[in-house]
């Protein structure tokens, strides 16, 4: 079946992971060496995101957008679990993929992240030779503004997302939004608290079209390459 432009409403927990140090590499490594290191590091990050139930929606230069996506009628409790899963994923990324060494030039790559949550519109856009899956909505603003406040190997959570997970995680205020409520530096689990992200949100996630749509886009791209 041919792909067509489409749109959907979703509720999502969105994790934006930004890689620092990439620009420096571009001027100091040959293209093959650079590609090898980038692919290795991205694979490490993606493997953890997928294991935590997330979808990698798109690559934005040296950053990735990851989503735990729910149907628009999903309950607040499900959104809270999705947001907890995104936070748990980010903390695991910080533990296991904090720094990636580049021994050839004694340099390194590192990550810092932002988390947001809420309703979005998803779009499949493009044409016969190229299709993309995009998100638009306030959650995109949330992660962009939260990530700005994150230092090396830190995750900062938007106020909207923090309200959903604050019962489970320690946090430290970072900056301030115009309304007075600010982003929060994500800490560890509160004492005697189990990781809510471990409970998963598979039942709610199964209602969502995101994973299916990403698969369809991959099939469509493969088909385009075959015709060339």
C-alpha atoms as a PDB file:
ATOM      1  CA  UNK A   1       0.000   0.000   0.000  1.00  0.00           C
ATOM      2  CA  UNK A   2       1.374   3.431  -0.949  1.00  0.00           C
ATOM      3  CA  UNK A   3       2.099   5.810   1.912  1.00  0.00           C
ATOM      4  CA  UNK A   4       0.011   8.948   2.233  1.00  0.00           C
ATOM      5  CA  UNK A   5       0.389  12.103   4.303  1.00  0.00           C
ATOM      6  CA  UNK A   6      -1.410  11.648   7.634  1.00  0.00           C
ATOM      7  CA  UNK A   7      -1.699  13.123  11.122  1.00  0.00           C
ATOM      8  CA  UNK A   8      -2.591  11.829  14.587  1.00  0.00           C
ATOM      9  CA  UNK A   9      -3.102  13.133  18.090  1.00  0.00           C
ATOM     10  CA  UNK A  10      -1.019  11.465  20.804  1.00  0.00           C
ATOM     11  CA  UNK A  11       0.017  11.826  24.424  1.00  0.00           C
ATOM     12  CA  UNK A  12       3.765  11.346  24.808  1.00  0.00           C
ATOM     13  CA  UNK A  13       6.719  11.408  27.111  1.00  0.00           C
ATOM     14  CA  UNK A  14       9.525  12.886  25.020  1.00  0.00           C
ATOM     15  CA  UNK A  15      13.252  12.463  25.712  1.00  0.00           C
ATOM     16  CA  UNK A  16      15.688  14.725  23.862  1.00  0.00           C
ATOM     17  CA  UNK A  17      19.293  13.492  24.047  1.00  0.00           C
ATOM     18  CA  UNK A  18      21.943  15.943  22.844  1.00  0.00           C
ATOM     19  CA  UNK A  19      25.506  14.799  22.121  1.00  0.00           C
ATOM     20  CA  UNK A  20      28.265  17.279  22.937  1.00  0.00           C
ATOM     21  CA  UNK A  21      31.656  17.270  21.224  1.00  0.00           C
ATOM     22  CA  UNK A  22      30.476  16.271  17.772  1.00  0.00           C
ATOM     23  CA  UNK A  23      31.416  19.542  16.051  1.00  0.00           C
ATOM     24  CA  UNK A  24      34.984  19.280  17.314  1.00  0.00           C
ATOM     25  CA  UNK A  25      35.330  15.810  15.778  1.00  0.00           C
ATOM     26  CA  UNK A  26      34.243  16.952  12.325  1.00  0.00           C
ATOM     27  CA  UNK A  27      37.399  19.021  11.888  1.00  0.00           C
ATOM     28  CA  UNK A  28      39.838  16.520  13.407  1.00  0.00           C
ATOM     29  CA  UNK A  29      38.876  13.049  12.110  1.00  0.00           C
ATOM     30  CA  UNK A  30      38.661  11.615   8.631  1.00  0.00           C
ATOM     31  CA  UNK A  31      35.146  10.772   7.477  1.00  0.00           C
ATOM     32  CA  UNK A  32      35.429   6.986   7.865  1.00  0.00           C
ATOM     33  CA  UNK A  33      36.752   7.205  11.426  1.00  0.00           C
ATOM     34  CA  UNK A  34      34.138   9.801  12.329  1.00  0.00           C
ATOM     35  CA  UNK A  35      31.329   7.665  10.906  1.00  0.00           C
ATOM     36  CA  UNK A  36      32.527   4.612  12.818  1.00  0.00           C
ATOM     37  CA  UNK A  37      32.577   6.399  16.169  1.00  0.00           C
ATOM     38  CA  UNK A  38      29.226   8.124  15.597  1.00  0.00           C
ATOM     39  CA  UNK A  39      27.551   4.855  14.592  1.00  0.00           C
ATOM     40  CA  UNK A  40      28.983   3.035  17.610  1.00  0.00           C
ATOM     41  CA  UNK A  41      27.845   5.689  20.084  1.00  0.00           C
ATOM     42  CA  UNK A  42      24.391   6.103  18.566  1.00  0.00           C
ATOM     43  CA  UNK A  43      23.929   2.319  18.602  1.00  0.00           C
ATOM     44  CA  UNK A  44      24.715   2.201  22.324  1.00  0.00           C
ATOM     45  CA  UNK A  45      22.170   4.939  22.998  1.00  0.00           C
ATOM     46  CA  UNK A  46      19.474   3.469  20.763  1.00  0.00           C
ATOM     47  CA  UNK A  47      19.813  -0.032  22.243  1.00  0.00           C
ATOM     48  CA  UNK A  48      19.011   1.313  25.716  1.00  0.00           C
ATOM     49  CA  UNK A  49      16.087   3.423  24.477  1.00  0.00           C
ATOM     50  CA  UNK A  50      14.537   0.443  22.694  1.00  0.00           C
ATOM     51  CA  UNK A  51      15.100  -1.847  25.693  1.00  0.00           C
ATOM     52  CA  UNK A  52      13.238   0.713  27.821  1.00  0.00           C
ATOM     53  CA  UNK A  53      10.226   0.666  25.473  1.00  0.00           C
ATOM     54  CA  UNK A  54      10.923   3.896  23.594  1.00  0.00           C
ATOM     55  CA  UNK A  55      10.863   4.770  19.892  1.00  0.00           C
ATOM     56  CA  UNK A  56      13.687   6.778  18.345  1.00  0.00           C
ATOM     57  CA  UNK A  57      11.637   9.173  16.252  1.00  0.00           C
ATOM     58  CA  UNK A  58      14.341  11.097  14.471  1.00  0.00           C
ATOM     59  CA  UNK A  59      17.929  12.240  14.439  1.00  0.00           C
ATOM     60  CA  UNK A  60      18.418  16.002  14.594  1.00  0.00           C
ATOM     61  CA  UNK A  61      22.077  16.572  13.766  1.00  0.00           C
ATOM     62  CA  UNK A  62      23.943  15.398  16.848  1.00  0.00           C
ATOM     63  CA  UNK A  63      20.797  14.746  18.894  1.00  0.00           C
ATOM     64  CA  UNK A  64      17.971  12.207  19.022  1.00  0.00           C
ATOM     65  CA  UNK A  65      14.261  12.514  19.840  1.00  0.00           C
ATOM     66  CA  UNK A  66      12.851   9.496  21.699  1.00  0.00           C
ATOM     67  CA  UNK A  67       9.169   8.991  22.468  1.00  0.00           C
ATOM     68  CA  UNK A  68       7.026   6.876  24.772  1.00  0.00           C
ATOM     69  CA  UNK A  69       3.782   7.429  22.908  1.00  0.00           C
ATOM     70  CA  UNK A  70       0.187   6.820  23.959  1.00  0.00           C
ATOM     71  CA  UNK A  71      -3.222   7.093  22.398  1.00  0.00           C
ATOM     72  CA  UNK A  72      -4.911  10.501  22.872  1.00  0.00           C
ATOM     73  CA  UNK A  73      -7.438   9.032  25.337  1.00  0.00           C
ATOM     74  CA  UNK A  74      -4.729   7.434  27.513  1.00  0.00           C
ATOM     75  CA  UNK A  75      -5.193   8.056  31.231  1.00  0.00           C
ATOM     76  CA  UNK A  76      -2.994  10.434  33.215  1.00  0.00           C
ATOM     77  CA  UNK A  77      -1.663   7.405  35.091  1.00  0.00           C
ATOM     78  CA  UNK A  78      -0.412   5.923  31.815  1.00  0.00           C
ATOM     79  CA  UNK A  79       1.245   9.215  30.853  1.00  0.00           C
ATOM     80  CA  UNK A  80       2.900   9.278  34.276  1.00  0.00           C
ATOM     81  CA  UNK A  81       4.251   5.753  33.680  1.00  0.00           C
ATOM     82  CA  UNK A  82       5.470   6.725  30.209  1.00  0.00           C
ATOM     83  CA  UNK A  83       7.222   9.759  31.674  1.00  0.00           C
ATOM     84  CA  UNK A  84       8.766   7.594  34.394  1.00  0.00           C
ATOM     85  CA  UNK A  85       9.992   5.209  31.700  1.00  0.00           C
ATOM     86  CA  UNK A  86      11.586   8.141  29.832  1.00  0.00           C
ATOM     87  CA  UNK A  87      13.250   9.345  33.043  1.00  0.00           C
ATOM     88  CA  UNK A  88      14.482   5.850  33.909  1.00  0.00           C
ATOM     89  CA  UNK A  89      15.852   5.503  30.392  1.00  0.00           C
ATOM     90  CA  UNK A  90      17.664   8.822  30.641  1.00  0.00           C
ATOM     91  CA  UNK A  91      19.254   7.875  33.960  1.00  0.00           C
ATOM     92  CA  UNK A  92      20.422   4.575  32.460  1.00  0.00           C
ATOM     93  CA  UNK A  93      21.887   6.441  29.490  1.00  0.00           C
ATOM     94  CA  UNK A  94      23.733   8.712  31.930  1.00  0.00           C
ATOM     95  CA  UNK A  95      25.112   5.692  33.799  1.00  0.00           C
ATOM     96  CA  UNK A  96      26.136   3.573  30.816  1.00  0.00           C
ATOM     97  CA  UNK A  97      26.768   6.038  27.976  1.00  0.00           C
ATOM     98  CA  UNK A  98      27.823   9.188  29.794  1.00  0.00           C
ATOM     99  CA  UNK A  99      31.083   9.595  27.922  1.00  0.00           C
ATOM    100  CA  UNK A 100      32.358   8.006  24.717  1.00  0.00           C
ATOM    101  CA  UNK A 101      36.154   8.266  24.284  1.00  0.00           C
ATOM    102  CA  UNK A 102      37.814   9.097  20.955  1.00  0.00           C
ATOM    103  CA  UNK A 103      41.356   7.774  21.525  1.00  0.00           C
ATOM    104  CA  UNK A 104      42.712   8.857  18.127  1.00  0.00           C
ATOM    105  CA  UNK A 105      42.588  12.520  19.171  1.00  0.00           C
ATOM    106  CA  UNK A 106      42.278  12.231  22.981  1.00  0.00           C
ATOM    107  CA  UNK A 107      38.737  13.626  22.842  1.00  0.00           C
ATOM    108  CA  UNK A 108      35.293  12.471  23.918  1.00  0.00           C
ATOM    109  CA  UNK A 109      31.597  12.699  23.252  1.00  0.00           C
ATOM    110  CA  UNK A 110      29.097  13.148  26.087  1.00  0.00           C
ATOM    111  CA  UNK A 111      25.358  13.537  26.531  1.00  0.00           C
ATOM    112  CA  UNK A 112      22.868  15.781  28.291  1.00  0.00           C
ATOM    113  CA  UNK A 113      19.101  15.501  28.052  1.00  0.00           C
ATOM    114  CA  UNK A 114      15.668  17.044  28.499  1.00  0.00           C
ATOM    115  CA  UNK A 115      12.338  15.344  29.283  1.00  0.00           C
ATOM    116  CA  UNK A 116       8.818  16.638  28.616  1.00  0.00           C
ATOM    117  CA  UNK A 117       5.283  15.229  28.598  1.00  0.00           C
ATOM    118  CA  UNK A 118       1.854  16.045  27.223  1.00  0.00           C
ATOM    119  CA  UNK A 119      -0.308  16.042  24.078  1.00  0.00           C
ATOM    120  CA  UNK A 120       1.205  16.385  20.605  1.00  0.00           C
ATOM    121  CA  UNK A 121       0.253  16.100  16.963  1.00  0.00           C
ATOM    122  CA  UNK A 122       2.197  13.571  14.897  1.00  0.00           C
ATOM    123  CA  UNK A 123       2.574  13.946  11.154  1.00  0.00           C
ATOM    124  CA  UNK A 124       3.691  11.699   8.335  1.00  0.00           C
ATOM    125  CA  UNK A 125       4.884  14.079   5.636  1.00  0.00           C
ATOM    126  CA  UNK A 126       6.782  13.831   2.399  1.00  0.00           C
ATOM    127  CA  UNK A 127       6.403  12.371  -1.049  1.00  0.00           C
ATOM    128  CA  UNK A 128       7.338   9.456  -3.267  1.00  0.00           C
ATOM    129  CA  UNK A 129      11.082   9.686  -2.610  1.00  0.00           C
ATOM    130  CA  UNK A 130      11.160  10.783   1.051  1.00  0.00           C
ATOM    131  CA  UNK A 131       8.892  10.457   4.088  1.00  0.00           C
ATOM    132  CA  UNK A 132       9.381  11.752   7.618  1.00  0.00           C
ATOM    133  CA  UNK A 133       7.557  11.246  10.921  1.00  0.00           C
ATOM    134  CA  UNK A 134       7.362  14.491  12.913  1.00  0.00           C
ATOM    135  CA  UNK A 135       5.967  15.706  16.222  1.00  0.00           C
ATOM    136  CA  UNK A 136       4.636  19.188  16.906  1.00  0.00           C
ATOM    137  CA  UNK A 137       3.309  20.622  20.130  1.00  0.00           C
ATOM    138  CA  UNK A 138       4.216  22.124  23.464  1.00  0.00           C
ATOM    139  CA  UNK A 139       6.213  19.032  24.479  1.00  0.00           C
ATOM    140  CA  UNK A 140       8.817  19.946  21.863  1.00  0.00           C
ATOM    141  CA  UNK A 141       9.232  23.335  23.550  1.00  0.00           C
ATOM    142  CA  UNK A 142       9.444  21.639  26.944  1.00  0.00           C
ATOM    143  CA  UNK A 143      12.364  19.391  26.029  1.00  0.00           C
ATOM    144  CA  UNK A 144      14.219  22.153  24.199  1.00  0.00           C
ATOM    145  CA  UNK A 145      13.998  24.528  27.158  1.00  0.00           C
ATOM    146  CA  UNK A 146      14.754  21.797  29.708  1.00  0.00           C
ATOM    147  CA  UNK A 147      17.832  20.562  27.813  1.00  0.00           C
ATOM    148  CA  UNK A 148      19.339  24.063  27.847  1.00  0.00           C
ATOM    149  CA  UNK A 149      19.563  23.818  31.652  1.00  0.00           C
ATOM    150  CA  UNK A 150      21.289  20.399  31.599  1.00  0.00           C
ATOM    151  CA  UNK A 151      25.066  20.272  32.035  1.00  0.00           C
ATOM    152  CA  UNK A 152      27.248  17.352  30.955  1.00  0.00           C
ATOM    153  CA  UNK A 153      25.675  13.967  31.813  1.00  0.00           C
ATOM    154  CA  UNK A 154      22.590  15.593  33.350  1.00  0.00           C
ATOM    155  CA  UNK A 155      18.882  15.265  32.643  1.00  0.00           C
ATOM    156  CA  UNK A 156      16.541  18.191  33.259  1.00  0.00           C
ATOM    157  CA  UNK A 157      12.778  17.651  33.376  1.00  0.00           C
ATOM    158  CA  UNK A 158      10.136  20.203  32.389  1.00  0.00           C
ATOM    159  CA  UNK A 159       7.655  21.324  35.080  1.00  0.00           C
ATOM    160  CA  UNK A 160       4.854  19.522  33.249  1.00  0.00           C
ATOM    161  CA  UNK A 161       6.762  16.243  33.255  1.00  0.00           C
ATOM    162  CA  UNK A 162       8.080  16.725  36.788  1.00  0.00           C
ATOM    163  CA  UNK A 163       4.565  16.909  38.219  1.00  0.00           C
ATOM    164  CA  UNK A 164       4.004  13.382  36.861  1.00  0.00           C
ATOM    165  CA  UNK A 165       7.115  11.800  38.409  1.00  0.00           C
ATOM    166  CA  UNK A 166       8.010  13.941  41.434  1.00  0.00           C
ATOM    167  CA  UNK A 167       6.609  11.347  43.845  1.00  0.00           C
ATOM    168  CA  UNK A 168       9.211   8.856  42.623  1.00  0.00           C
ATOM    169  CA  UNK A 169      12.378  10.880  41.976  1.00  0.00           C
ATOM    170  CA  UNK A 170      14.602  13.328  43.787  1.00  0.00           C
ATOM    171  CA  UNK A 171      15.056  16.634  42.008  1.00  0.00           C
ATOM    172  CA  UNK A 172      16.776  20.001  42.197  1.00  0.00           C
ATOM    173  CA  UNK A 173      15.329  23.220  40.731  1.00  0.00           C
ATOM    174  CA  UNK A 174      17.101  24.519  37.635  1.00  0.00           C
ATOM    175  CA  UNK A 175      16.212  27.921  36.248  1.00  0.00           C
ATOM    176  CA  UNK A 176      12.688  29.293  36.186  1.00  0.00           C
ATOM    177  CA  UNK A 177       9.863  29.446  33.652  1.00  0.00           C
ATOM    178  CA  UNK A 178       7.981  32.685  33.098  1.00  0.00           C
ATOM    179  CA  UNK A 179       5.167  31.472  35.344  1.00  0.00           C
ATOM    180  CA  UNK A 180       7.487  30.931  38.282  1.00  0.00           C
ATOM    181  CA  UNK A 181       7.625  27.137  38.123  1.00  0.00           C
ATOM    182  CA  UNK A 182      10.924  25.954  36.724  1.00  0.00           C
ATOM    183  CA  UNK A 183      12.655  22.903  35.270  1.00  0.00           C
ATOM    184  CA  UNK A 184      14.100  20.289  37.607  1.00  0.00           C
ATOM    185  CA  UNK A 185      17.412  18.445  37.528  1.00  0.00           C
ATOM    186  CA  UNK A 186      16.523  14.750  37.663  1.00  0.00           C
ATOM    187  CA  UNK A 187      18.102  12.869  40.547  1.00  0.00           C
ATOM    188  CA  UNK A 188      17.819   9.300  41.721  1.00  0.00           C
ATOM    189  CA  UNK A 189      14.810   7.421  43.040  1.00  0.00           C
ATOM    190  CA  UNK A 190      13.421   8.528  46.374  1.00  0.00           C
ATOM    191  CA  UNK A 191      14.203   6.286  49.333  1.00  0.00           C
ATOM    192  CA  UNK A 192      12.187   3.040  49.455  1.00  0.00           C
ATOM    193  CA  UNK A 193      10.757   3.751  45.999  1.00  0.00           C
ATOM    194  CA  UNK A 194      10.785   1.239  43.165  1.00  0.00           C
ATOM    195  CA  UNK A 195      11.598   2.424  39.668  1.00  0.00           C
ATOM    196  CA  UNK A 196       8.151   3.102  38.125  1.00  0.00           C
ATOM    197  CA  UNK A 197       9.734   2.875  34.702  1.00  0.00           C
ATOM    198  CA  UNK A 198      10.349  -0.835  35.323  1.00  0.00           C
ATOM    199  CA  UNK A 199       6.604  -1.466  35.392  1.00  0.00           C
ATOM    200  CA  UNK A 200       6.425  -0.453  31.776  1.00  0.00           C
ATOM    201  CA  UNK A 201       3.505   0.888  29.794  1.00  0.00           C
ATOM    202  CA  UNK A 202       3.252  -1.856  27.197  1.00  0.00           C
ATOM    203  CA  UNK A 203      -0.544  -2.175  27.339  1.00  0.00           C
ATOM    204  CA  UNK A 204      -1.061   1.521  26.697  1.00  0.00           C
ATOM    205  CA  UNK A 205       1.780   1.747  24.190  1.00  0.00           C
ATOM    206  CA  UNK A 206       0.265  -1.068  22.145  1.00  0.00           C
ATOM    207  CA  UNK A 207      -2.645   1.226  21.264  1.00  0.00           C
ATOM    208  CA  UNK A 208      -0.318   3.734  19.632  1.00  0.00           C
ATOM    209  CA  UNK A 209       0.591   3.954  15.961  1.00  0.00           C
ATOM    210  CA  UNK A 210       4.122   5.300  16.363  1.00  0.00           C
ATOM    211  CA  UNK A 211       6.103   2.055  16.135  1.00  0.00           C
ATOM    212  CA  UNK A 212       3.944   0.912  13.207  1.00  0.00           C
ATOM    213  CA  UNK A 213       4.383   4.203  11.391  1.00  0.00           C
ATOM    214  CA  UNK A 214       8.157   4.147  11.835  1.00  0.00           C
ATOM    215  CA  UNK A 215       8.225   0.627  10.414  1.00  0.00           C
ATOM    216  CA  UNK A 216       6.130   1.720   7.434  1.00  0.00           C
ATOM    217  CA  UNK A 217       8.495   4.619   6.790  1.00  0.00           C
ATOM    218  CA  UNK A 218      11.467   2.258   6.848  1.00  0.00           C
ATOM    219  CA  UNK A 219       9.709  -0.017   4.350  1.00  0.00           C
ATOM    220  CA  UNK A 220       8.899   2.987   2.179  1.00  0.00           C
ATOM    221  CA  UNK A 221      12.498   4.224   2.241  1.00  0.00           C
ATOM    222  CA  UNK A 222      13.791   0.754   1.328  1.00  0.00           C
ATOM    223  CA  UNK A 223      11.340   0.642  -1.576  1.00  0.00           C
ATOM    224  CA  UNK A 224      12.566   4.047  -2.809  1.00  0.00           C
ATOM    225  CA  UNK A 225      16.177   2.855  -2.723  1.00  0.00           C
ATOM    226  CA  UNK A 226      15.283  -0.260  -4.702  1.00  0.00           C
ATOM    227  CA  UNK A 227      13.711   1.866  -7.465  1.00  0.00           C
ATOM    228  CA  UNK A 228      16.830   4.040  -7.812  1.00  0.00           C
END
